[in-house]
Protein backbone atom coordinates (compact mmCIF):
# COMPACT_ATOMS: atom_id res chain seq x y z
CA ILE A 1 -202.38 -151.44 -58.27
CA ARG A 2 -205.66 -150.66 -59.97
CA ALA A 3 -207.37 -147.39 -58.97
CA GLN A 4 -210.91 -147.56 -57.68
CA ALA A 5 -213.29 -144.63 -57.96
CA ALA A 6 -215.89 -144.15 -55.33
CA GLY A 7 -218.81 -146.59 -55.91
CA VAL A 8 -217.17 -148.26 -58.85
CA LYS A 9 -216.60 -152.06 -58.62
CA LEU A 10 -213.27 -153.36 -59.74
CA PRO A 11 -213.30 -156.42 -62.06
CA PRO A 12 -211.72 -159.48 -60.42
CA ARG A 13 -208.34 -160.85 -61.27
CA PHE A 14 -207.84 -164.59 -61.62
CA VAL A 15 -205.22 -167.08 -60.49
CA PHE A 16 -205.44 -170.67 -61.76
CA VAL A 17 -203.40 -173.28 -59.84
CA VAL A 18 -203.39 -176.50 -61.88
CA GLU A 19 -201.86 -179.65 -60.39
CA GLY A 20 -201.09 -182.72 -62.46
CA ASN A 21 -202.08 -186.38 -61.81
CA GLY A 22 -205.75 -186.06 -60.76
CA LEU A 23 -207.64 -184.70 -57.72
CA VAL A 24 -209.52 -187.42 -55.72
CA PRO A 25 -212.82 -185.69 -54.67
CA ARG A 26 -212.57 -186.75 -51.06
CA HIS A 27 -209.27 -184.88 -50.73
CA ILE A 28 -211.22 -181.55 -50.90
CA THR A 29 -214.57 -182.70 -49.43
CA PRO A 30 -215.26 -181.56 -45.88
CA ILE A 31 -215.68 -184.32 -43.38
CA GLY A 32 -219.33 -185.48 -43.08
CA TYR A 33 -220.53 -185.10 -46.70
CA GLN A 34 -221.48 -188.37 -48.36
CA ARG A 35 -220.96 -189.07 -52.05
CA PRO A 36 -222.35 -192.50 -52.82
CA ASN A 37 -220.93 -194.63 -55.62
CA VAL A 38 -222.88 -194.44 -58.89
CA HIS A 39 -222.68 -196.32 -62.17
CA VAL A 40 -223.76 -194.31 -65.28
CA GLY A 41 -223.16 -194.25 -69.03
CA LYS A 42 -222.35 -196.91 -71.69
CA PRO A 43 -219.65 -197.96 -71.08
CA LYS A 44 -220.01 -197.42 -67.39
CA VAL A 45 -217.87 -194.53 -66.00
CA PRO A 46 -215.50 -195.99 -63.30
CA ASN A 47 -214.65 -194.41 -59.99
CA MET A 48 -217.78 -192.22 -59.99
CA GLN A 49 -219.45 -190.87 -56.87
CA GLY A 50 -222.28 -188.33 -56.72
CA VAL A 51 -225.59 -187.13 -55.51
CA THR A 52 -229.00 -187.11 -57.14
CA GLU A 53 -230.00 -183.72 -55.72
CA MET A 54 -227.71 -180.66 -55.52
CA VAL A 55 -226.09 -179.97 -52.18
CA ASP A 56 -225.51 -176.18 -51.62
CA GLU A 57 -224.84 -175.12 -48.11
CA PRO A 58 -222.23 -173.39 -45.90
CA HIS A 59 -219.50 -175.73 -44.75
CA ALA A 60 -218.93 -173.82 -41.48
CA GLY A 61 -218.69 -176.26 -38.63
CA LYS A 62 -217.44 -179.15 -40.70
CA GLN A 63 -213.82 -180.17 -40.56
CA LEU A 64 -211.76 -179.51 -43.65
CA PRO A 65 -209.85 -182.43 -45.09
CA GLU A 66 -206.06 -182.48 -44.44
CA SER A 67 -205.33 -181.29 -48.01
CA LEU A 68 -207.17 -177.99 -47.34
CA GLN A 69 -206.05 -177.39 -43.75
CA PRO A 70 -203.39 -174.74 -44.76
CA ILE A 71 -206.24 -172.41 -45.89
CA GLU A 72 -208.35 -172.98 -42.77
CA ALA A 73 -208.01 -169.26 -41.84
CA TYR A 74 -209.75 -168.38 -45.15
CA ARG A 75 -212.51 -170.96 -45.01
CA ASP A 76 -215.22 -168.28 -45.16
CA ARG A 77 -213.85 -167.55 -48.68
CA LEU A 78 -213.50 -171.17 -49.68
CA THR A 79 -216.06 -172.85 -51.92
CA ILE A 80 -215.66 -176.51 -52.80
CA VAL A 81 -217.35 -177.71 -56.05
CA ASN A 82 -217.96 -181.34 -56.77
CA GLY A 83 -220.17 -183.06 -59.36
CA LEU A 84 -219.22 -181.29 -62.56
CA SER A 85 -218.07 -183.25 -65.51
CA GLY A 86 -215.77 -182.61 -68.43
CA ARG A 87 -215.83 -185.83 -70.41
CA ILE A 88 -215.38 -183.92 -73.62
CA ALA A 89 -211.83 -183.30 -72.63
CA GLY A 90 -210.94 -187.00 -72.87
CA GLY A 91 -209.11 -187.81 -69.63
CA GLY A 92 -206.22 -190.22 -69.15
CA HIS A 93 -202.98 -189.03 -67.52
CA SER A 94 -203.86 -185.45 -68.56
CA SER A 95 -206.48 -183.61 -70.60
CA ASP A 96 -203.73 -181.08 -71.44
CA PHE A 97 -205.26 -177.93 -73.02
CA GLY A 98 -208.68 -179.48 -72.60
CA ALA A 99 -208.66 -179.04 -68.83
CA LEU A 100 -208.84 -175.26 -69.13
CA GLY A 101 -210.39 -175.31 -72.62
CA ALA A 102 -213.35 -177.70 -72.04
CA TYR A 103 -212.68 -179.45 -75.30
CA ASN A 104 -210.72 -182.38 -76.65
CA CYS A 105 -207.32 -181.64 -77.96
CA GLY A 106 -206.36 -185.04 -79.28
CA SER A 107 -203.77 -185.76 -76.63
CA GLY A 108 -202.59 -189.23 -75.73
CA VAL A 109 -199.75 -191.15 -74.09
CA GLY A 110 -196.62 -188.98 -74.46
CA ASN A 111 -198.53 -186.50 -76.72
CA SER A 112 -200.05 -183.26 -75.39
CA GLY A 113 -201.98 -182.67 -78.62
CA MET A 114 -202.86 -179.22 -79.82
CA PRO A 115 -205.38 -176.70 -78.41
CA ALA A 116 -208.82 -176.70 -80.17
CA GLY A 117 -209.46 -173.17 -79.01
CA GLU A 118 -208.66 -170.61 -76.35
CA THR A 119 -208.46 -171.66 -72.64
CA ILE A 120 -210.43 -170.09 -69.86
CA ASP A 121 -207.36 -168.48 -68.21
CA VAL A 122 -206.50 -166.71 -71.51
CA ALA A 123 -210.07 -165.74 -72.31
CA LEU A 124 -210.27 -164.00 -68.94
CA GLY A 125 -207.00 -162.31 -69.59
CA LYS A 126 -208.18 -160.99 -72.93
CA LYS A 127 -211.16 -159.50 -71.22
CA LEU A 128 -209.35 -157.91 -68.34
CA GLY A 129 -206.15 -156.72 -70.20
CA GLY A 130 -202.90 -155.87 -68.68
CA ILE A 131 -199.27 -155.45 -69.72
CA PHE A 132 -199.34 -159.25 -69.88
CA SER A 133 -202.91 -160.28 -70.67
CA HIS A 134 -201.96 -163.67 -69.35
CA PHE A 135 -198.85 -165.09 -67.81
CA GLY A 136 -198.06 -168.83 -67.31
CA ILE A 137 -195.49 -170.24 -64.91
CA GLY A 138 -194.92 -173.62 -63.26
CA ILE A 139 -192.72 -176.66 -63.04
CA SER A 140 -192.12 -179.68 -65.22
CA ASP A 141 -190.95 -183.17 -64.49
CA ARG A 142 -187.43 -182.30 -65.63
CA LYS A 143 -185.25 -179.60 -64.07
CA GLU A 144 -183.67 -178.58 -67.41
CA HIS A 145 -187.00 -177.56 -68.98
CA ASP A 146 -187.23 -173.78 -69.50
CA VAL A 147 -190.40 -173.26 -71.47
CA ILE A 148 -193.05 -175.83 -72.30
CA TYR A 149 -196.48 -175.71 -73.92
CA ASN A 150 -198.88 -177.78 -71.88
CA SER A 151 -202.13 -176.12 -70.58
CA SER A 152 -203.01 -172.61 -71.85
CA ALA A 153 -203.86 -171.42 -75.38
CA TRP A 154 -204.60 -168.16 -77.18
CA GLY A 155 -206.78 -169.92 -79.73
CA LYS A 156 -207.01 -172.94 -81.98
CA GLY A 157 -203.51 -174.26 -82.68
CA GLN A 158 -201.99 -171.40 -80.58
CA PRO A 159 -200.49 -172.72 -77.42
CA ILE A 160 -198.87 -170.22 -75.08
CA PRO A 161 -195.81 -170.87 -72.94
CA THR A 162 -195.51 -172.06 -69.43
CA ILE A 163 -192.20 -170.80 -68.09
CA CYS A 164 -190.63 -173.52 -65.85
CA GLN A 165 -187.43 -171.69 -64.68
CA PRO A 166 -188.11 -169.01 -62.03
CA MET A 167 -185.17 -166.99 -63.25
CA THR A 168 -186.55 -166.92 -66.76
CA ALA A 169 -189.92 -165.78 -65.47
CA TYR A 170 -188.22 -163.20 -63.30
CA GLY A 171 -186.34 -161.88 -66.35
CA ALA A 172 -189.50 -161.63 -68.44
CA LEU A 173 -191.32 -159.63 -65.79
CA PHE A 174 -188.66 -157.72 -63.84
CA GLY A 175 -185.67 -157.88 -66.25
CA SER A 176 -185.93 -154.07 -66.98
CA VAL A 177 -184.99 -153.23 -63.37
CA ALA A 178 -182.78 -156.23 -62.66
CA GLY A 179 -179.05 -156.32 -62.74
CA GLY A 180 -176.70 -158.85 -64.40
CA ASN A 181 -177.95 -161.27 -66.95
CA SER A 182 -181.59 -160.47 -66.58
CA ARG A 183 -181.07 -156.82 -67.45
CA ALA A 184 -178.83 -157.70 -70.31
CA GLU A 185 -181.33 -160.14 -71.68
CA PHE A 186 -184.12 -157.60 -71.39
CA ASN A 187 -182.12 -155.05 -73.37
CA ALA A 188 -181.10 -157.63 -75.96
CA LYS A 189 -184.73 -158.59 -76.51
CA THR A 190 -185.75 -154.95 -76.86
CA ASN A 191 -183.07 -154.37 -79.49
CA LEU A 192 -183.99 -157.61 -81.36
CA LEU A 193 -187.65 -156.61 -81.48
CA ASP A 194 -186.66 -153.18 -82.83
CA PHE A 195 -184.63 -154.88 -85.55
CA LEU A 196 -187.33 -157.46 -86.41
CA ARG A 197 -189.98 -154.74 -86.57
CA ASP A 198 -187.98 -152.59 -88.93
CA ASP A 199 -186.96 -155.66 -91.05
CA VAL A 200 -190.59 -156.73 -91.53
CA LYS A 201 -191.64 -153.18 -92.45
CA ARG A 202 -188.82 -153.17 -95.09
CA LEU A 203 -189.98 -156.56 -96.51
CA GLN A 204 -193.55 -155.54 -96.47
CA GLY A 205 -192.85 -152.70 -98.82
CA GLN A 206 -191.45 -155.12 -101.36
CA VAL A 207 -194.39 -157.58 -101.63
CA ALA A 208 -198.09 -157.50 -102.28
CA GLY A 209 -201.20 -159.70 -101.83
CA SER A 210 -201.23 -162.63 -99.46
CA GLU A 211 -197.46 -162.28 -98.54
CA HIS A 212 -198.06 -158.62 -97.64
CA ASP A 213 -200.99 -159.75 -95.33
CA LYS A 214 -198.85 -162.43 -93.68
CA LEU A 215 -196.11 -159.89 -92.94
CA ALA A 216 -198.74 -157.61 -91.51
CA ALA A 217 -199.72 -160.29 -88.97
CA HIS A 218 -196.01 -160.77 -88.10
CA LEU A 219 -195.52 -157.06 -87.73
CA LYS A 220 -198.45 -156.71 -85.24
CA GLY A 221 -196.98 -159.53 -83.17
CA TYR A 222 -193.56 -157.83 -82.99
CA GLU A 223 -195.10 -154.43 -82.32
CA ASP A 224 -197.26 -155.86 -79.49
CA MET A 225 -194.16 -157.40 -77.89
CA ARG A 226 -192.18 -154.18 -78.40
CA ASN A 227 -194.98 -152.13 -76.91
CA ARG A 228 -194.99 -154.42 -73.85
CA GLN A 229 -191.27 -153.86 -73.36
CA SER A 230 -191.86 -150.08 -73.46
CA ARG A 231 -194.66 -150.32 -70.90
CA LEU A 232 -192.40 -152.31 -68.58
CA GLY A 233 -189.84 -149.55 -68.92
CA GLU A 234 -192.50 -146.91 -68.04
CA ILE A 235 -193.33 -148.48 -64.70
CA GLU A 236 -189.74 -148.91 -63.52
CA GLY A 237 -190.55 -147.56 -60.00
CA THR A 238 -193.36 -150.05 -59.55
CA LEU A 239 -191.24 -152.91 -60.71
CA ARG A 240 -188.42 -152.03 -58.39
CA LYS A 241 -190.84 -151.80 -55.47
CA ASN A 242 -192.55 -155.11 -56.09
CA ALA A 243 -189.91 -157.38 -57.67
CA PRO A 244 -189.33 -160.48 -55.47
CA GLU A 245 -186.07 -161.01 -53.74
CA VAL A 246 -184.09 -163.59 -55.76
CA THR A 247 -182.90 -166.29 -53.34
CA ASP A 248 -181.35 -169.72 -53.81
CA LYS A 249 -184.71 -171.36 -54.46
CA PHE A 250 -185.02 -169.39 -57.74
CA LYS A 251 -182.05 -171.41 -59.15
CA SER A 252 -182.62 -174.64 -57.19
CA GLU A 253 -182.85 -178.08 -58.84
CA VAL A 254 -185.51 -179.10 -56.37
CA GLU A 255 -188.95 -178.95 -57.69
CA SER A 256 -190.66 -177.88 -54.49
CA ASP A 257 -188.14 -174.98 -54.23
CA ARG A 258 -188.80 -173.89 -57.82
CA LEU A 259 -192.57 -174.06 -57.34
CA ASP A 260 -192.23 -171.95 -54.13
CA ALA A 261 -190.27 -169.41 -56.17
CA GLN A 262 -192.85 -169.37 -58.90
CA PHE A 263 -195.57 -168.48 -56.29
CA ASP A 264 -193.32 -165.60 -55.17
CA ILE A 265 -193.18 -164.42 -58.78
CA ALA A 266 -196.93 -164.72 -59.19
CA ALA A 267 -197.56 -162.60 -56.13
CA ALA A 268 -195.10 -159.92 -57.36
CA ALA A 269 -196.67 -159.93 -60.81
CA LEU A 270 -200.18 -159.46 -59.49
CA ILE A 271 -199.21 -156.84 -56.87
CA GLY A 272 -197.16 -154.91 -59.46
CA GLY A 273 -200.11 -154.81 -61.79
CA LEU A 274 -198.37 -156.72 -64.55
CA THR A 275 -201.25 -159.19 -65.28
CA ASN A 276 -204.80 -159.91 -64.15
CA SER A 277 -204.82 -163.53 -65.25
CA LEU A 278 -202.11 -165.90 -64.16
CA THR A 279 -201.71 -169.73 -64.34
CA ILE A 280 -199.40 -171.80 -62.12
CA ALA A 281 -199.06 -175.24 -63.62
CA SER A 282 -197.46 -177.89 -61.42
CA GLY A 283 -196.48 -180.92 -63.42
CA VAL A 284 -199.30 -180.46 -65.89
CA GLY A 285 -199.75 -182.14 -69.25
CA ASN A 286 -198.25 -184.97 -71.23
CA PRO A 287 -195.42 -185.90 -70.73
CA TYR A 288 -194.60 -183.51 -67.90
CA PHE A 289 -196.72 -185.01 -65.07
CA SER A 290 -194.28 -187.25 -63.32
CA VAL A 291 -192.74 -184.68 -60.97
CA LYS A 292 -190.69 -185.96 -58.03
CA PHE A 293 -191.06 -183.79 -54.90
CA THR A 294 -187.80 -184.66 -53.30
CA GLY A 295 -187.92 -181.46 -51.32
CA LEU A 296 -190.86 -182.88 -49.37
CA GLY A 297 -188.86 -186.00 -48.66
CA ILE A 298 -190.54 -187.99 -51.45
CA ASP A 299 -188.14 -189.88 -53.73
CA ILE A 300 -190.78 -191.29 -56.08
CA GLY A 301 -192.45 -189.66 -59.05
CA LYS A 302 -196.16 -188.67 -59.16
CA HIS A 303 -196.71 -191.10 -61.99
CA SER A 304 -195.59 -194.02 -59.86
CA ILE A 305 -197.74 -192.58 -56.95
CA GLY A 306 -200.69 -192.49 -59.31
CA HIS A 307 -200.19 -196.28 -59.93
CA GLY A 308 -200.37 -196.91 -56.27
CA GLY A 309 -196.70 -196.64 -55.40
CA GLY A 310 -195.69 -195.80 -51.80
CA PHE A 311 -192.58 -194.54 -50.25
CA LYS A 312 -191.07 -195.17 -46.82
CA ASP A 313 -194.01 -195.17 -44.37
CA TRP A 314 -196.39 -193.39 -46.72
CA ASN A 315 -198.90 -195.13 -48.95
CA ALA A 316 -199.94 -193.65 -52.26
CA ASP A 317 -202.96 -191.78 -50.86
CA GLN A 318 -200.94 -190.24 -48.02
CA LEU A 319 -198.33 -189.11 -50.56
CA LYS A 320 -200.99 -187.39 -52.72
CA VAL A 321 -202.34 -185.55 -49.68
CA LYS A 322 -198.83 -184.57 -48.58
CA ILE A 323 -198.07 -183.01 -52.01
CA ARG A 324 -201.48 -181.46 -52.27
CA LYS A 325 -201.18 -179.89 -48.82
CA PHE A 326 -197.89 -178.29 -49.93
CA HIS A 327 -199.69 -176.73 -52.87
CA PHE A 328 -202.37 -175.26 -50.57
CA GLN A 329 -199.72 -173.90 -48.21
CA LEU A 330 -198.21 -172.03 -51.19
CA ILE A 331 -201.78 -170.80 -51.98
CA ALA A 332 -202.24 -169.62 -48.37
CA ASP A 333 -198.95 -167.73 -48.55
CA LEU A 334 -200.03 -166.08 -51.78
CA MET A 335 -203.32 -165.09 -50.24
CA LYS A 336 -201.56 -163.51 -47.27
CA LYS A 337 -199.47 -161.35 -49.55
CA LEU A 338 -202.51 -160.17 -51.58
CA GLU A 339 -204.42 -159.49 -48.31
CA ALA A 340 -201.64 -157.24 -47.11
CA VAL A 341 -202.00 -154.89 -50.14
CA PRO A 342 -204.78 -152.25 -49.96
CA GLU A 343 -206.88 -151.84 -53.09
CA GLY A 344 -209.72 -149.25 -53.11
CA ASN A 345 -211.52 -149.66 -49.71
CA ASP A 346 -210.45 -153.29 -49.35
CA THR A 347 -207.48 -155.52 -50.30
CA MET A 348 -206.23 -157.16 -53.45
CA LEU A 349 -207.45 -160.48 -52.12
CA ASP A 350 -211.00 -159.16 -52.03
CA ASN A 351 -210.76 -158.55 -55.73
CA THR A 352 -209.12 -161.84 -56.68
CA VAL A 353 -210.45 -165.31 -57.54
CA ILE A 354 -208.19 -168.33 -57.05
CA VAL A 355 -209.15 -171.58 -58.93
CA TYR A 356 -207.56 -174.92 -58.07
CA LEU A 357 -208.11 -178.00 -60.13
CA SER A 358 -206.23 -180.95 -61.69
CA ASP A 359 -205.63 -181.40 -65.45
CA ALA A 360 -206.63 -185.05 -64.90
CA ALA A 361 -210.01 -184.44 -63.22
CA GLU A 362 -210.79 -187.04 -60.58
CA ALA A 363 -208.01 -189.66 -60.96
CA HIS A 364 -204.54 -190.49 -62.30
CA HIS A 365 -206.23 -192.32 -65.17
CA SER A 366 -209.23 -190.06 -65.35
CA ARG A 367 -212.55 -190.40 -67.25
CA CYS A 368 -213.63 -186.89 -66.40
CA GLY A 369 -217.10 -187.93 -65.30
CA GLN A 370 -216.52 -185.84 -62.20
CA TRP A 371 -214.13 -182.83 -62.05
CA PRO A 372 -213.53 -181.36 -58.56
CA PHE A 373 -212.68 -177.68 -58.11
CA VAL A 374 -211.64 -175.45 -55.21
CA LEU A 375 -212.59 -171.81 -55.58
CA ILE A 376 -211.44 -169.00 -53.32
CA PRO A 377 -213.29 -165.82 -54.49
CA GLY A 378 -212.73 -162.50 -52.94
CA LYS A 379 -215.73 -160.79 -51.36
CA ASN A 380 -216.02 -158.26 -54.13
CA THR A 381 -215.88 -160.71 -57.05
CA GLY A 382 -219.59 -161.60 -57.24
CA LEU A 383 -218.83 -165.18 -56.55
CA LYS A 384 -219.97 -167.17 -53.48
CA GLY A 385 -217.46 -168.11 -50.75
CA GLY A 386 -217.81 -170.45 -47.70
CA HIS A 387 -219.96 -173.03 -49.46
CA TYR A 388 -219.92 -176.74 -50.25
CA ILE A 389 -221.60 -177.43 -53.56
CA ASP A 390 -222.18 -180.85 -55.11
CA PHE A 391 -224.03 -180.91 -58.46
CA PRO A 392 -226.18 -183.97 -59.40
CA HIS A 393 -223.94 -186.70 -60.89
CA TYR A 394 -223.26 -187.30 -64.56
CA MET A 395 -226.44 -187.85 -66.64
CA GLN A 396 -228.73 -186.91 -63.63
CA ASP A 397 -231.16 -184.06 -64.07
CA GLY A 398 -229.47 -180.87 -62.90
CA HIS A 399 -226.02 -182.11 -63.81
CA ARG A 400 -223.63 -179.45 -65.21
CA GLU A 401 -220.15 -179.32 -66.94
CA ILE A 402 -216.92 -177.53 -66.40
CA GLY A 403 -217.86 -175.28 -69.33
CA ASN A 404 -220.71 -173.89 -67.14
CA LEU A 405 -218.13 -173.13 -64.41
CA TYR A 406 -215.90 -171.32 -66.80
CA ALA A 407 -218.94 -169.32 -68.17
CA THR A 408 -219.53 -168.35 -64.51
CA LEU A 409 -216.00 -166.99 -64.24
CA LEU A 410 -216.39 -165.08 -67.50
CA HIS A 411 -219.66 -163.44 -66.17
CA ALA A 412 -217.82 -162.36 -63.09
CA ALA A 413 -215.33 -160.63 -65.34
CA GLY A 414 -217.97 -158.97 -67.42
CA ASP A 415 -218.05 -161.42 -70.41
CA LYS A 416 -221.64 -162.64 -70.73
CA ARG A 417 -221.21 -165.64 -73.05
CA GLU A 418 -223.51 -168.55 -72.02
CA TYR A 419 -221.03 -171.36 -72.29
CA PHE A 420 -217.35 -171.94 -72.65
CA GLY A 421 -215.85 -174.77 -74.61
CA VAL A 422 -217.73 -177.80 -76.11
CA HIS A 423 -220.67 -179.61 -74.65
CA ASP A 424 -220.67 -183.34 -74.04
CA ALA A 425 -222.90 -184.77 -76.71
CA MET A 426 -223.85 -187.71 -74.43
CA LEU A 427 -225.67 -185.37 -72.03
CA LYS A 428 -229.31 -184.74 -72.85
CA GLY A 429 -232.32 -182.97 -71.46
CA ASN A 430 -232.03 -181.48 -68.01
CA ALA A 431 -228.60 -183.03 -67.55
CA CYS A 432 -227.15 -180.46 -69.91
CA GLY A 433 -227.59 -176.69 -70.23
CA ASP A 434 -226.09 -173.32 -71.10
CA GLY A 435 -225.54 -170.42 -68.73
CA PRO A 436 -223.49 -169.72 -65.60
CA LEU A 437 -223.83 -171.73 -62.36
CA GLU A 438 -226.32 -169.72 -60.33
CA ALA A 439 -225.28 -171.55 -57.16
CA LEU A 440 -221.87 -169.91 -57.39
CA ILE A 441 -223.15 -166.29 -57.87
CA SER A 442 -223.41 -164.23 -54.72
């Protein structure tokens, strides 16, 4: 856990929870707020709701929708954000890297495209540092997937992995103190990195010019990975103390079990100080979005649900809420674990920002004219909790984009850039602007 000197504010850590297949705004909107239908743009943007003047007020006293009821105990920390757009990302079944990158990555049906730049989770990790500057875990639509590349990126053309098997994630983080295969794999990786580093050094001495420079880049990569292995070895006591208990759910073929295990790993990684930026991607990206949550009693994939499919006595909307509610129960469990750990004069939760969104913005076939977010910022993060905020709708004066929200998160971490990603060229005048979202700053 990070040390805190008297009077010194700790930078926040960030957890992104990204769920595939769209987030209907009403599923996170407290009961009583009205969002009229609007028709804007050429061609018209379908399924749009919004307000003409910003709403920014505490939501205390209003009933939370069913999706958010698992975090009712933390509603004073909860800020719901509606009205932002991200049309630059494209939409469809998934915006893939564009959801966290605020850009278009050229994705389409069955094609996740390639990142056009860094994503916000990785940008924050670069700023905050850590043994793992960023760590990505999640689940895919297929139980045999081990590692996929779907939502996070170091830079242009540089996707970074999402580990879909809890045991693989456990080995990467805690293999140095684990027994059995995890320990053996950690040792084998360390030995391999030593060999590769020495081999590249040998080759580097035999070439010159551009080939020498290319090898230098490879060498740095191997040395960075080897240094991380060494740092993991140096904190053996911390790892032993915080490593999660490996239970049957870590090896389960049931998606809900594996996602539950990934949240356990996330908590352990944060509490153990292994990373300050972590992304949990649940069925995110093309073609990984058709997860079937049989563990919740739902024997139909989310792709079919997105097209209006029901199952047993549940219609499509009820199924979406049931699955989303499960995600927020896992988020609540993560928050309880962080709240139980002292940090400085407060708790880890007080210094953590949790961000929930969908990679498909507002719908299964999204157009990204509105992109709902749930923020759960700790009281020491400089971000406002306990509010409902609805920005003026797309093309209306005062409208803002997801790139402004991401700039706000960067400001909270000490990175003062004025925008993140790419602006929507269709937005003009007072419907577009740089800078963080002042309404979110406490």
